[in-house]
Amino acid sequence: MSFLLPCPNCGTRSVYEFTYGGELRTRPAVDAPAAEWVRYVYWKENTTGVAREWWFHRQGCRLWFVAERNATTNEVRDSYFYERSRAKSGDAPA
């Protein structure tokens, strides 16, 4: 299904210019148990509503950013660079 995705650097473009990078999640510590790494790598939330996701603008500025997208309707509520995401949610750098 096609939809428009706003790149925070280049503006709104077709989703076909981008590569989906997965859900935005907190990365486990380097010395975390193997079970925690397995959960991080293989288990996905697969949210029905709004999800925070990584996107890469491969046919534009070639930058990674975060988009808040409703996975059911593909409506994009917001898109921004990761630094703003950390400030917004209080995430610590990984």
Protein backbone atom coordinates (compact mmCIF):
# COMPACT_ATOMS: atom_id res chain seq x y z
CA MET A 1 0.00 0.00 0.00
CA SER A 2 1.36 3.41 -0.93
CA PHE A 3 1.34 6.45 1.33
CA LEU A 4 3.23 9.70 1.77
CA LEU A 5 5.96 9.96 4.37
CA PRO A 6 7.32 13.33 5.52
CA CYS A 7 11.11 13.38 5.71
CA PRO A 8 12.16 15.96 8.34
CA ASN A 9 14.93 17.10 5.98
CA CYS A 10 13.39 16.88 2.47
CA GLY A 11 9.64 17.17 3.05
CA THR A 12 6.80 14.84 2.06
CA ARG A 13 7.66 12.08 -0.41
CA SER A 14 6.31 8.72 -1.62
CA VAL A 15 7.02 5.88 0.79
CA TYR A 16 8.79 4.10 -2.09
CA GLU A 17 11.76 6.49 -1.60
CA PHE A 18 12.33 5.10 1.91
CA THR A 19 13.47 1.90 3.59
CA TYR A 20 11.65 0.71 6.71
CA GLY A 21 14.06 0.16 9.60
CA GLY A 22 11.81 -1.42 12.21
CA GLU A 23 10.31 -0.37 15.50
CA LEU A 24 12.06 2.19 17.69
CA ARG A 25 13.06 0.28 20.80
CA THR A 26 15.60 0.61 23.56
CA ARG A 27 18.70 -1.46 22.86
CA PRO A 28 19.87 -3.83 25.61
CA ALA A 29 23.18 -3.23 27.36
CA VAL A 30 26.21 -4.92 25.81
CA ASP A 31 26.46 -7.32 28.75
CA ALA A 32 22.72 -8.10 28.86
CA PRO A 33 21.68 -11.76 29.07
CA ALA A 34 21.22 -13.64 25.79
CA ALA A 35 17.46 -13.90 26.37
CA GLU A 36 17.18 -10.10 26.40
CA TRP A 37 19.08 -9.86 23.09
CA VAL A 38 16.87 -12.54 21.54
CA ARG A 39 13.79 -10.55 22.59
CA TYR A 40 15.28 -7.35 21.13
CA VAL A 41 16.30 -8.89 17.79
CA TYR A 42 13.40 -11.27 17.10
CA TRP A 43 10.30 -10.19 19.02
CA LYS A 44 8.27 -7.37 17.51
CA GLU A 45 5.38 -5.45 19.05
CA ASN A 46 3.45 -5.33 15.75
CA THR A 47 1.31 -2.51 17.12
CA THR A 48 -2.16 -2.06 15.65
CA GLY A 49 -2.29 1.65 16.46
CA VAL A 50 0.43 4.29 16.37
CA ALA A 51 4.00 3.00 16.37
CA ARG A 52 7.36 4.78 16.46
CA GLU A 53 9.47 3.46 13.59
CA TRP A 54 12.88 3.94 11.98
CA TRP A 55 12.91 5.09 8.34
CA PHE A 56 15.86 5.70 5.99
CA HIS A 57 15.49 8.15 3.08
CA ARG A 58 17.49 6.13 0.56
CA GLN A 59 16.47 8.15 -2.54
CA GLY A 60 16.85 11.55 -0.90
CA CYS A 61 19.02 12.92 1.90
CA ARG A 62 20.13 9.42 3.02
CA LEU A 63 19.38 10.17 6.67
CA TRP A 64 17.69 8.00 9.31
CA PHE A 65 14.70 9.44 11.17
CA VAL A 66 11.77 8.38 13.35
CA ALA A 67 8.15 8.46 12.18
CA GLU A 68 5.03 8.03 14.29
CA ARG A 69 2.70 6.07 12.01
CA ASN A 70 -0.66 4.43 12.50
CA ALA A 71 0.02 0.90 11.25
CA THR A 72 -3.67 0.33 10.47
CA THR A 73 -4.35 3.45 8.36
CA ASN A 74 -0.74 4.41 7.40
CA GLU A 75 -1.45 7.94 8.60
CA VAL A 76 1.83 9.55 9.66
CA ARG A 77 1.34 11.76 12.72
CA ASP A 78 4.89 13.10 12.97
CA SER A 79 8.45 12.55 11.78
CA TYR A 80 11.66 13.81 13.33
CA PHE A 81 15.32 13.04 13.85
CA TYR A 82 16.25 10.69 16.70
CA GLU A 83 17.67 13.47 18.90
CA ARG A 84 14.18 14.97 19.21
CA SER A 85 12.81 11.50 19.93
CA ARG A 86 15.15 11.14 22.94
CA ALA A 87 14.18 14.55 24.27
CA LYS A 88 10.50 13.74 23.74
CA SER A 89 10.54 10.39 25.56
CA GLY A 90 13.49 10.77 27.92
CA ASP A 91 15.34 7.87 26.25
CA ALA A 92 19.02 7.60 27.04
CA PRO A 93 21.43 7.17 24.15
CA ALA A 94 21.99 3.53 23.21
